[in-house]
């Protein structure tokens, strides 16, 4: 079993979503791929990238900030997914699969953010440490 970042379920889901988006968009015609597709792929890739960057941070508040950014990119990915469906770039079945991955990831990412918020309130800051040692 993978440990660290690659062992996080949210990271695994983010990678799966990004890979599925890529596999879909790469089949589109040039105009669709270069307009909607490019932004769709960028948003989906940014979810996992921000989870990874936050995971590598030292302070829980920093970690949390990157997870909030990842959540924003998840919402953007949903926006492009809906645009792709509305513009008939993606089949209903494929839409449902990608939407399902997004819906699975969202509550897990929110739970991770809440856990980081809890840890951040328990982690002493430099100011508190300096004051408590006097």
Protein backbone atom coordinates (compact mmCIF):
# COMPACT_ATOMS: atom_id res chain seq x y z
CA UNK A 1 0.00 0.00 0.00
CA UNK A 2 1.26 3.47 -0.89
CA UNK A 3 2.23 5.77 1.94
CA UNK A 4 2.48 9.51 2.21
CA UNK A 5 0.88 11.65 -0.44
CA UNK A 6 0.17 8.75 -2.80
CA UNK A 7 -1.62 6.94 0.01
CA UNK A 8 -4.15 9.76 0.44
CA UNK A 9 -7.51 8.80 -1.01
CA UNK A 10 -8.20 12.39 -2.07
CA UNK A 11 -4.94 12.47 -4.02
CA UNK A 12 -5.73 9.14 -5.69
CA UNK A 13 -9.18 10.43 -6.70
CA UNK A 14 -7.73 13.71 -7.96
CA UNK A 15 -5.22 11.82 -10.12
CA UNK A 16 -7.93 9.52 -11.45
CA UNK A 17 -10.18 12.47 -12.31
CA UNK A 18 -7.34 14.34 -14.04
CA UNK A 19 -6.37 11.26 -16.05
CA UNK A 20 -9.96 10.63 -17.12
CA UNK A 21 -10.39 14.27 -18.15
CA UNK A 22 -7.17 14.07 -20.18
CA UNK A 23 -8.25 10.83 -21.86
CA UNK A 24 -11.53 12.45 -22.84
CA UNK A 25 -10.23 15.82 -24.03
CA UNK A 26 -7.40 14.39 -26.11
CA UNK A 27 -10.01 12.87 -28.45
CA UNK A 28 -11.78 16.17 -29.16
CA UNK A 29 -11.48 18.20 -32.35
CA UNK A 30 -8.84 20.96 -32.31
CA UNK A 31 -11.11 23.96 -31.65
CA UNK A 32 -12.92 22.28 -28.75
CA UNK A 33 -9.68 20.86 -27.35
CA UNK A 34 -7.88 24.21 -27.55
CA UNK A 35 -10.68 26.24 -25.95
CA UNK A 36 -12.79 24.30 -23.46
CA UNK A 37 -10.51 21.28 -23.33
CA UNK A 38 -7.33 23.10 -22.37
CA UNK A 39 -9.03 24.85 -19.44
CA UNK A 40 -10.80 21.64 -18.41
CA UNK A 41 -7.49 19.74 -18.26
CA UNK A 42 -5.71 22.59 -16.46
CA UNK A 43 -8.41 22.78 -13.79
CA UNK A 44 -8.49 19.00 -13.27
CA UNK A 45 -4.68 18.78 -13.07
CA UNK A 46 -4.59 21.65 -10.58
CA UNK A 47 -6.69 19.75 -8.05
CA UNK A 48 -4.02 17.14 -7.45
CA UNK A 49 -1.17 19.64 -7.82
CA UNK A 50 -2.56 21.76 -4.99
CA UNK A 51 -3.25 18.73 -2.80
CA UNK A 52 0.39 17.73 -3.33
CA UNK A 53 1.77 21.20 -2.66
CA UNK A 54 -0.29 21.56 0.49
CA UNK A 55 0.79 18.12 1.67
CA UNK A 56 4.40 19.23 1.43
CA UNK A 57 3.92 22.29 3.64
CA UNK A 58 5.05 22.39 7.26
CA UNK A 59 2.24 24.30 8.93
CA UNK A 60 -1.35 23.11 8.97
CA UNK A 61 -2.63 26.57 7.99
CA UNK A 62 -0.47 26.45 4.85
CA UNK A 63 -1.64 22.92 4.13
CA UNK A 64 -5.26 24.00 4.54
CA UNK A 65 -4.85 26.97 2.20
CA UNK A 66 -3.70 24.74 -0.66
CA UNK A 67 -6.58 22.33 -0.03
CA UNK A 68 -8.99 25.25 -0.31
CA UNK A 69 -7.39 26.14 -3.63
CA UNK A 70 -7.74 22.49 -4.71
CA UNK A 71 -11.43 22.70 -3.82
CA UNK A 72 -11.75 25.78 -6.01
CA UNK A 73 -10.18 23.91 -8.91
CA UNK A 74 -12.58 21.03 -8.30
CA UNK A 75 -15.46 23.48 -8.72
CA UNK A 76 -13.85 24.86 -11.88
CA UNK A 77 -13.48 21.32 -13.22
CA UNK A 78 -17.21 20.83 -12.65
CA UNK A 79 -17.89 24.04 -14.55
CA UNK A 80 -15.93 22.84 -17.59
CA UNK A 81 -17.51 19.40 -17.35
CA UNK A 82 -20.98 20.97 -17.53
CA UNK A 83 -19.90 23.23 -20.42
CA UNK A 84 -18.57 20.20 -22.29
CA UNK A 85 -21.84 18.35 -21.79
CA UNK A 86 -23.98 21.34 -22.75
CA UNK A 87 -21.92 21.80 -25.93
CA UNK A 88 -22.20 18.11 -26.83
CA UNK A 89 -18.47 17.54 -26.51
CA UNK A 90 -18.93 14.68 -24.09
CA UNK A 91 -21.41 11.81 -24.05
CA UNK A 92 -23.93 11.52 -21.21
CA UNK A 93 -22.39 8.28 -19.92
CA UNK A 94 -18.89 9.81 -19.85
CA UNK A 95 -20.28 12.94 -18.19
CA UNK A 96 -21.91 10.81 -15.48
CA UNK A 97 -18.66 8.96 -14.82
CA UNK A 98 -16.59 12.13 -14.47
CA UNK A 99 -19.30 13.82 -12.44
CA UNK A 100 -19.37 10.78 -10.15
CA UNK A 101 -15.61 11.03 -9.55
CA UNK A 102 -16.01 14.73 -8.73
CA UNK A 103 -18.88 14.04 -6.36
CA UNK A 104 -16.86 11.34 -4.62
CA UNK A 105 -13.86 13.61 -4.21
CA UNK A 106 -15.69 16.72 -2.92
CA UNK A 107 -16.83 15.47 0.52
CA UNK A 108 -13.52 13.73 1.14
CA UNK A 109 -11.60 16.90 0.31
CA UNK A 110 -13.91 18.87 2.61
CA UNK A 111 -13.29 16.38 5.42
CA UNK A 112 -9.54 16.71 4.92
CA UNK A 113 -9.83 20.51 5.05
CA UNK A 114 -11.82 20.27 8.30
CA UNK A 115 -9.18 17.99 9.81
CA UNK A 116 -6.47 20.48 8.88
CA UNK A 117 -8.52 23.30 10.43
CA UNK A 118 -8.74 21.32 13.67
CA UNK A 119 -5.01 20.62 13.66
CA UNK A 120 -4.21 24.25 12.85
CA UNK A 121 -6.05 25.45 15.95
CA UNK A 122 -4.08 23.00 18.08
CA UNK A 123 -0.69 23.81 16.55
CA UNK A 124 1.08 26.51 18.56
CA UNK A 125 2.32 29.50 16.61
CA UNK A 126 5.78 31.00 17.05
CA UNK A 127 4.28 33.90 19.01
CA UNK A 128 2.51 31.60 21.45
CA UNK A 129 5.66 29.51 21.94
CA UNK A 130 7.75 32.62 22.59
CA UNK A 131 5.23 33.97 25.09
CA UNK A 132 4.74 30.66 26.87
CA UNK A 133 8.47 30.18 27.43
CA UNK A 134 8.86 33.53 29.23
